[in-house]
Amino acid sequence: MDLQLIVVILLFVLAIVYAGRLVYKSLINKKGCASNCGKCAADFSEMKLPESN
């Protein structure tokens, strides 16, 4: 194997691991806002919404 093929395979494996991690975090992390990005753990359970007419 030459060095270029090894680098390409390594980058491919790293891309698969990164994508898998994103999918895993989006499925497991259920805290936070509706976007489910996992950046915050805000609790809006006690927040009162204004009434509309």
N, C-alpha and C. Protein backbone atom coordinates (compact mmCIF):
# COMPACT_ATOMS: atom_id res chain seq x y z
N MET A 1 0.86 -1.19 0.00
CA MET A 1 0.00 0.00 0.00
C MET A 1 0.89 1.24 0.00
N ASP A 2 0.49 2.18 -0.77
CA ASP A 2 1.28 3.40 -0.71
C ASP A 2 0.64 4.39 0.26
N LEU A 3 1.38 5.40 0.60
CA LEU A 3 0.98 6.34 1.65
C LEU A 3 -0.32 7.07 1.31
N GLN A 4 -0.53 7.38 0.05
CA GLN A 4 -1.73 8.11 -0.36
C GLN A 4 -2.99 7.29 -0.09
N LEU A 5 -2.96 6.00 -0.36
CA LEU A 5 -4.11 5.13 -0.12
C LEU A 5 -4.40 5.02 1.38
N ILE A 6 -3.37 4.93 2.18
CA ILE A 6 -3.55 4.86 3.64
C ILE A 6 -4.21 6.13 4.16
N VAL A 7 -3.78 7.29 3.69
CA VAL A 7 -4.36 8.56 4.11
C VAL A 7 -5.83 8.65 3.71
N VAL A 8 -6.16 8.22 2.49
CA VAL A 8 -7.54 8.26 2.02
C VAL A 8 -8.42 7.34 2.86
N ILE A 9 -7.94 6.14 3.16
CA ILE A 9 -8.71 5.19 3.98
C ILE A 9 -8.90 5.75 5.39
N LEU A 10 -7.86 6.34 5.95
CA LEU A 10 -7.96 6.93 7.29
C LEU A 10 -8.98 8.07 7.32
N LEU A 11 -8.97 8.94 6.33
CA LEU A 11 -9.94 10.04 6.27
C LEU A 11 -11.36 9.51 6.10
N PHE A 12 -11.53 8.47 5.32
CA PHE A 12 -12.85 7.87 5.13
C PHE A 12 -13.37 7.29 6.44
N VAL A 13 -12.53 6.60 7.16
CA VAL A 13 -12.93 6.01 8.45
C VAL A 13 -13.27 7.12 9.45
N LEU A 14 -12.48 8.18 9.49
CA LEU A 14 -12.78 9.29 10.39
C LEU A 14 -14.10 9.97 10.03
N ALA A 15 -14.41 10.08 8.75
CA ALA A 15 -15.68 10.68 8.32
C ALA A 15 -16.85 9.81 8.75
N ILE A 16 -16.71 8.50 8.65
CA ILE A 16 -17.78 7.59 9.08
C ILE A 16 -17.98 7.68 10.59
N VAL A 17 -16.89 7.75 11.35
CA VAL A 17 -17.00 7.87 12.80
C VAL A 17 -17.68 9.18 13.18
N TYR A 18 -17.31 10.27 12.51
CA TYR A 18 -17.91 11.58 12.79
C TYR A 18 -19.41 11.57 12.48
N ALA A 19 -19.79 11.04 11.34
CA ALA A 19 -21.21 10.99 10.97
C ALA A 19 -21.98 10.08 11.93
N GLY A 20 -21.39 8.98 12.31
CA GLY A 20 -22.04 8.08 13.27
C GLY A 20 -22.23 8.74 14.62
N ARG A 21 -21.26 9.52 15.04
CA ARG A 21 -21.36 10.23 16.31
C ARG A 21 -22.49 11.27 16.27
N LEU A 22 -22.63 11.97 15.15
CA LEU A 22 -23.72 12.94 15.01
C LEU A 22 -25.08 12.26 15.07
N VAL A 23 -25.22 11.15 14.39
CA VAL A 23 -26.48 10.41 14.41
C VAL A 23 -26.78 9.90 15.81
N TYR A 24 -25.76 9.34 16.47
CA TYR A 24 -25.94 8.82 17.82
C TYR A 24 -26.38 9.91 18.79
N LYS A 25 -25.72 11.08 18.74
CA LYS A 25 -26.08 12.17 19.64
C LYS A 25 -27.48 12.70 19.35
N SER A 26 -27.89 12.71 18.10
CA SER A 26 -29.23 13.21 17.78
C SER A 26 -30.31 12.24 18.24
N LEU A 27 -30.01 10.96 18.31
CA LEU A 27 -30.99 9.98 18.74
C LEU A 27 -31.05 9.84 20.26
N ILE A 28 -29.91 9.98 20.92
CA ILE A 28 -29.83 9.74 22.36
C ILE A 28 -30.17 10.98 23.18
N ASN A 29 -29.67 12.14 22.82
CA ASN A 29 -29.85 13.35 23.61
C ASN A 29 -31.25 13.90 23.42
N LYS A 30 -32.09 13.78 24.42
CA LYS A 30 -33.47 14.26 24.33
C LYS A 30 -33.71 15.49 25.20
N LYS A 31 -32.66 16.05 25.80
CA LYS A 31 -32.79 17.28 26.58
C LYS A 31 -32.67 18.48 25.66
N GLY A 32 -33.23 19.58 26.07
CA GLY A 32 -32.99 20.82 25.35
C GLY A 32 -34.16 21.23 24.48
N CYS A 33 -33.85 22.00 23.49
CA CYS A 33 -34.87 22.59 22.64
C CYS A 33 -35.28 21.63 21.52
N ALA A 34 -36.20 22.08 20.71
CA ALA A 34 -36.75 21.23 19.66
C ALA A 34 -35.76 20.94 18.55
N SER A 35 -34.72 21.77 18.41
CA SER A 35 -33.76 21.52 17.34
C SER A 35 -32.88 20.32 17.65
N ASN A 36 -32.81 19.93 18.92
CA ASN A 36 -32.08 18.75 19.37
C ASN A 36 -30.61 18.78 18.96
N CYS A 37 -30.00 19.97 19.03
CA CYS A 37 -28.59 20.07 18.67
C CYS A 37 -27.69 19.61 19.80
N GLY A 38 -28.20 19.55 21.02
CA GLY A 38 -27.42 19.08 22.14
C GLY A 38 -26.51 20.12 22.75
N LYS A 39 -26.63 21.37 22.37
CA LYS A 39 -25.75 22.41 22.89
C LYS A 39 -26.22 22.97 24.22
N CYS A 40 -27.49 22.87 24.50
CA CYS A 40 -27.98 23.41 25.76
C CYS A 40 -28.87 22.37 26.45
N ALA A 41 -29.05 22.58 27.72
CA ALA A 41 -29.94 21.71 28.48
C ALA A 41 -30.96 22.61 29.18
N ALA A 42 -31.54 23.53 28.44
CA ALA A 42 -32.48 24.49 29.00
C ALA A 42 -33.77 23.78 29.40
N ASP A 43 -34.31 24.20 30.53
CA ASP A 43 -35.56 23.63 31.03
C ASP A 43 -36.63 24.71 30.93
N PHE A 44 -37.55 24.54 30.02
CA PHE A 44 -38.62 25.50 29.81
C PHE A 44 -39.95 25.00 30.37
N SER A 45 -39.92 24.03 31.28
CA SER A 45 -41.15 23.44 31.78
C SER A 45 -41.97 24.41 32.63
N GLU A 46 -41.32 25.37 33.29
CA GLU A 46 -42.05 26.31 34.14
C GLU A 46 -42.32 27.64 33.45
N MET A 47 -42.00 27.76 32.20
CA MET A 47 -42.20 29.00 31.46
C MET A 47 -43.66 29.13 31.05
N LYS A 48 -44.24 30.33 31.29
CA LYS A 48 -45.63 30.57 30.93
C LYS A 48 -45.69 31.32 29.62
N LEU A 49 -46.51 30.84 28.71
CA LEU A 49 -46.68 31.47 27.42
C LEU A 49 -47.77 32.54 27.50
N PRO A 50 -47.61 33.66 26.83
CA PRO A 50 -48.65 34.68 26.85
C PRO A 50 -49.90 34.18 26.11
N GLU A 51 -51.05 34.55 26.64
CA GLU A 51 -52.30 34.14 26.02
C GLU A 51 -52.62 35.04 24.84
N SER A 52 -53.06 34.45 23.75
CA SER A 52 -53.44 35.24 22.59
C SER A 52 -54.95 35.35 22.51
N ASN A 53 -55.44 36.44 21.94
CA ASN A 53 -56.90 36.67 21.84
C ASN A 53 -57.45 36.10 20.57
